N, C-alpha and C. Protein backbone atom coordinates (compact mmCIF):
# COMPACT_ATOMS: atom_id res chain seq x y z
N ASP A 1 12.61 -46.83 108.36
CA ASP A 1 13.48 -47.32 109.86
C ASP A 1 13.58 -46.12 110.68
N TYR A 2 13.95 -44.78 109.65
CA TYR A 2 14.05 -43.26 110.47
C TYR A 2 12.58 -42.91 111.12
N ILE A 3 11.60 -43.28 109.68
CA ILE A 3 10.20 -42.96 110.79
C ILE A 3 9.98 -43.59 112.15
N LYS A 4 10.14 -45.00 111.84
CA LYS A 4 9.86 -45.87 113.39
C LYS A 4 10.98 -45.33 114.38
N GLU A 5 12.40 -45.09 114.14
CA GLU A 5 12.70 -43.85 115.22
C GLU A 5 12.42 -42.55 115.79
N SER A 6 11.84 -42.17 114.58
CA SER A 6 10.99 -40.68 115.06
C SER A 6 10.30 -40.89 115.80
N LEU A 7 9.06 -41.47 115.34
CA LEU A 7 8.34 -41.91 116.64
C LEU A 7 8.77 -42.88 117.85
N GLU A 8 9.77 -43.59 117.83
CA GLU A 8 10.48 -43.77 118.85
C GLU A 8 10.90 -42.46 120.10
N LYS A 9 11.04 -41.59 118.94
CA LYS A 9 11.75 -40.21 119.77
C LYS A 9 10.80 -39.30 120.44
N ARG A 10 8.70 -39.88 119.66
CA ARG A 10 8.31 -38.66 120.18
C ARG A 10 7.82 -39.55 120.73
N LYS A 11 7.58 -40.54 121.52
CA LYS A 11 6.85 -41.16 122.63
C LYS A 11 7.81 -41.06 123.48
N ALA A 12 9.32 -41.07 123.54
CA ALA A 12 10.09 -40.74 124.76
C ALA A 12 9.72 -38.97 124.91
N ASP A 13 9.65 -38.27 124.22
CA ASP A 13 9.40 -37.04 123.89
C ASP A 13 7.95 -36.91 125.05
N LEU A 14 7.13 -37.34 124.93
CA LEU A 14 6.02 -37.54 125.38
C LEU A 14 5.73 -37.57 126.88
N GLU A 15 6.40 -39.48 126.97
CA GLU A 15 6.75 -39.37 128.48
C GLU A 15 7.79 -38.56 129.23
N ALA A 16 8.64 -37.60 128.33
CA ALA A 16 8.66 -37.19 129.59
C ALA A 16 8.18 -35.75 129.92
N GLN A 17 7.50 -35.23 128.81
CA GLN A 17 6.82 -34.09 129.04
C GLN A 17 5.82 -34.04 129.90
N PHE A 18 5.45 -35.52 129.88
CA PHE A 18 3.72 -35.60 130.86
C PHE A 18 3.90 -35.66 132.24
N GLU A 19 5.77 -36.78 132.72
CA GLU A 19 6.00 -37.07 133.56
C GLU A 19 6.19 -36.92 135.27
N PHE A 20 6.37 -34.94 135.07
CA PHE A 20 5.47 -33.84 136.37
C PHE A 20 5.10 -32.98 135.85
N TYR A 21 4.05 -33.35 134.77
CA TYR A 21 2.77 -32.57 134.93
C TYR A 21 1.67 -33.12 134.43
N PRO A 22 1.63 -34.72 134.72
CA PRO A 22 0.62 -35.36 134.83
C PRO A 22 -0.87 -34.77 134.77
N VAL A 23 -1.70 -34.94 133.26
CA VAL A 23 -3.08 -34.09 133.31
C VAL A 23 -3.86 -35.62 132.80
N ASN A 24 -4.78 -36.10 133.66
CA ASN A 24 -5.89 -36.99 132.94
C ASN A 24 -5.25 -38.03 132.80
N GLY A 25 -4.92 -38.63 133.32
CA GLY A 25 -3.86 -39.84 132.89
C GLY A 25 -2.82 -39.77 131.77
N SER A 26 -2.72 -39.21 131.35
CA SER A 26 -1.75 -38.12 130.10
C SER A 26 -0.12 -39.02 130.42
N TYR A 27 0.31 -39.45 131.41
CA TYR A 27 1.72 -39.45 131.69
C TYR A 27 1.61 -41.08 131.62
N VAL A 28 0.43 -41.54 132.14
CA VAL A 28 0.47 -43.33 132.09
C VAL A 28 0.09 -43.65 130.44
N ARG A 29 -1.13 -42.60 129.70
CA ARG A 29 -1.16 -43.08 128.64
C ARG A 29 0.30 -43.19 127.57
N ALA A 30 1.11 -42.29 127.79
CA ALA A 30 2.35 -42.05 126.92
C ALA A 30 3.48 -43.31 127.39
N LYS A 31 2.82 -43.64 128.60
CA LYS A 31 4.16 -44.84 128.91
C LYS A 31 3.24 -46.06 128.49
N SER A 32 2.50 -46.15 128.02
CA SER A 32 1.39 -47.20 127.60
C SER A 32 1.42 -47.49 126.25
N SER A 33 1.67 -46.17 125.06
CA SER A 33 1.64 -46.05 124.31
C SER A 33 3.03 -47.13 123.26
N GLU A 34 2.79 -47.52 122.29
CA GLU A 34 3.81 -48.90 121.75
C GLU A 34 3.85 -48.13 120.20
N ILE A 35 4.74 -47.72 119.80
CA ILE A 35 4.96 -47.82 117.97
C ILE A 35 4.84 -49.53 117.24
N TYR A 36 4.12 -49.39 116.89
CA TYR A 36 3.63 -51.06 116.07
C TYR A 36 4.06 -50.84 114.45
N GLN A 37 4.79 -51.58 114.67
CA GLN A 37 5.68 -51.80 112.79
C GLN A 37 4.55 -53.19 112.14
N VAL A 38 3.48 -53.32 111.13
CA VAL A 38 2.98 -53.87 110.19
C VAL A 38 3.49 -53.75 108.72
N GLY A 39 4.74 -54.67 108.64
CA GLY A 39 5.07 -54.63 107.09
C GLY A 39 5.83 -53.59 106.86
N ASN A 40 5.29 -52.23 105.88
CA ASN A 40 6.36 -51.05 105.57
C ASN A 40 5.78 -50.30 106.41
N TYR A 41 4.89 -50.56 107.42
CA TYR A 41 3.90 -49.28 108.20
C TYR A 41 3.89 -48.95 109.72
N VAL A 42 4.30 -48.71 110.13
CA VAL A 42 4.51 -48.04 111.66
C VAL A 42 3.37 -46.77 111.77
N PHE A 43 3.39 -47.17 113.28
CA PHE A 43 1.92 -46.35 114.03
C PHE A 43 2.72 -46.22 115.01
N PHE A 44 2.01 -45.30 115.78
CA PHE A 44 2.12 -44.90 117.08
C PHE A 44 0.55 -44.94 117.73
N ILE A 45 0.60 -45.92 118.44
CA ILE A 45 -0.41 -46.12 119.38
C ILE A 45 -0.73 -45.08 120.58
N CYS A 46 -1.44 -44.22 120.69
CA CYS A 46 -1.27 -43.56 122.28
C CYS A 46 -2.80 -43.29 122.20
N VAL A 47 -3.53 -44.47 123.25
CA VAL A 47 -4.78 -44.00 123.32
C VAL A 47 -4.87 -44.35 124.87
N GLY A 48 -6.19 -44.07 125.34
CA GLY A 48 -6.60 -44.82 126.57
C GLY A 48 -7.93 -43.86 126.96
N VAL A 49 -8.69 -44.75 127.19
CA VAL A 49 -10.15 -43.93 127.79
C VAL A 49 -10.20 -44.03 129.41
N MET A 50 -10.56 -42.33 129.16
CA MET A 50 -10.22 -42.69 131.29
C MET A 50 -11.39 -43.15 131.69
N PRO A 51 -11.88 -43.79 133.41
CA PRO A 51 -13.43 -44.16 133.69
C PRO A 51 -13.33 -43.56 133.89
N ASN A 52 -14.89 -43.54 133.83
CA ASN A 52 -15.87 -42.35 135.07
C ASN A 52 -15.30 -41.99 136.16
N ASP A 53 -15.08 -42.68 136.74
CA ASP A 53 -15.16 -42.20 138.45
C ASP A 53 -13.98 -41.09 138.41
N PRO A 54 -14.55 -40.49 138.76
CA PRO A 54 -12.89 -39.40 139.31
C PRO A 54 -11.75 -39.49 140.45
N ASP A 55 -11.92 -40.93 141.30
CA ASP A 55 -11.40 -40.88 142.46
C ASP A 55 -10.55 -41.58 141.72
N VAL A 56 -9.83 -42.19 140.58
CA VAL A 56 -8.70 -43.27 140.41
C VAL A 56 -7.74 -42.16 139.97
N THR A 57 -6.50 -42.72 140.52
CA THR A 57 -5.68 -42.08 140.72
C THR A 57 -4.90 -42.94 139.35
N ASP A 58 -3.79 -42.34 139.59
CA ASP A 58 -2.88 -42.43 137.70
C ASP A 58 -2.24 -43.78 138.43
N GLU A 59 -1.76 -44.25 139.24
CA GLU A 59 -1.58 -45.36 139.30
C GLU A 59 -1.75 -46.83 139.33
N GLU A 60 -3.86 -46.67 139.44
CA GLU A 60 -4.89 -47.57 138.87
C GLU A 60 -5.07 -47.74 137.74
N LEU A 61 -4.71 -46.51 136.72
CA LEU A 61 -5.24 -46.26 135.42
C LEU A 61 -4.01 -47.72 134.78
N ASP A 62 -4.79 -48.53 133.50
CA ASP A 62 -3.63 -49.32 132.62
C ASP A 62 -4.64 -49.24 131.25
N PHE A 63 -3.54 -48.55 130.43
CA PHE A 63 -4.16 -48.43 128.90
C PHE A 63 -3.94 -49.49 128.27
N THR A 64 -3.28 -50.50 128.70
CA THR A 64 -2.32 -51.87 127.84
C THR A 64 -3.34 -52.40 127.05
N ALA A 65 -5.00 -52.13 127.92
CA ALA A 65 -5.81 -52.85 126.81
C ALA A 65 -6.27 -51.85 125.52
N ASP A 66 -5.98 -51.19 125.89
CA ASP A 66 -6.93 -50.10 124.98
C ASP A 66 -5.92 -50.40 123.28
N VAL A 67 -4.78 -50.23 123.93
CA VAL A 67 -3.49 -50.46 123.05
C VAL A 67 -3.65 -51.49 122.62
N ALA A 68 -3.65 -52.61 123.16
CA ALA A 68 -3.92 -54.13 122.30
C ALA A 68 -5.42 -54.10 121.29
N LYS A 69 -6.56 -53.56 121.54
CA LYS A 69 -7.52 -53.17 120.42
C LYS A 69 -7.29 -52.34 119.63
N VAL A 70 -6.35 -51.17 119.71
CA VAL A 70 -6.41 -50.78 118.45
C VAL A 70 -5.12 -51.17 117.40
N LYS A 71 -4.41 -52.20 118.18
CA LYS A 71 -3.01 -53.42 117.49
C LYS A 71 -4.23 -54.32 117.00
N GLY A 72 -5.11 -54.69 117.54
CA GLY A 72 -6.24 -55.77 116.34
C GLY A 72 -7.13 -55.47 115.65
N ILE A 73 -7.57 -54.03 115.52
CA ILE A 73 -7.97 -52.71 114.46
C ILE A 73 -7.26 -52.98 113.23
N ILE A 74 -6.12 -52.30 113.47
CA ILE A 74 -5.26 -52.87 112.56
C ILE A 74 -4.61 -53.78 112.17
N ASP A 75 -4.51 -54.89 112.68
CA ASP A 75 -3.94 -56.17 112.05
C ASP A 75 -5.20 -56.53 111.24
N GLY A 76 -6.52 -56.36 111.84
CA GLY A 76 -7.38 -56.29 110.67
C GLY A 76 -7.29 -55.96 109.69
N PHE A 77 -7.10 -54.67 108.69
CA PHE A 77 -6.04 -54.33 107.88
C PHE A 77 -5.36 -54.92 107.31
N PHE A 78 -4.31 -55.40 107.79
CA PHE A 78 -3.35 -56.73 107.08
C PHE A 78 -3.58 -57.63 106.69
N ASN A 79 -4.74 -58.65 107.22
CA ASN A 79 -5.03 -59.87 107.33
C ASN A 79 -5.78 -60.14 106.15
């Protein structure tokens, strides 16, 4: 529980850090991140691949599919 709480605090800290200084989707990536627990293992998943289009705005970014992909990979190790 302590590790999970620490990772949740880190997530909140990243969101606060990048809220007013978003660079290359950093704020959207932090907001899309997840603390994911499988049994006794806790993961901080903060991923997101930027599109090749330089004109994409933060409002158009969505990293939930990237996070879901990592969760699927993690699940593959435990099933």
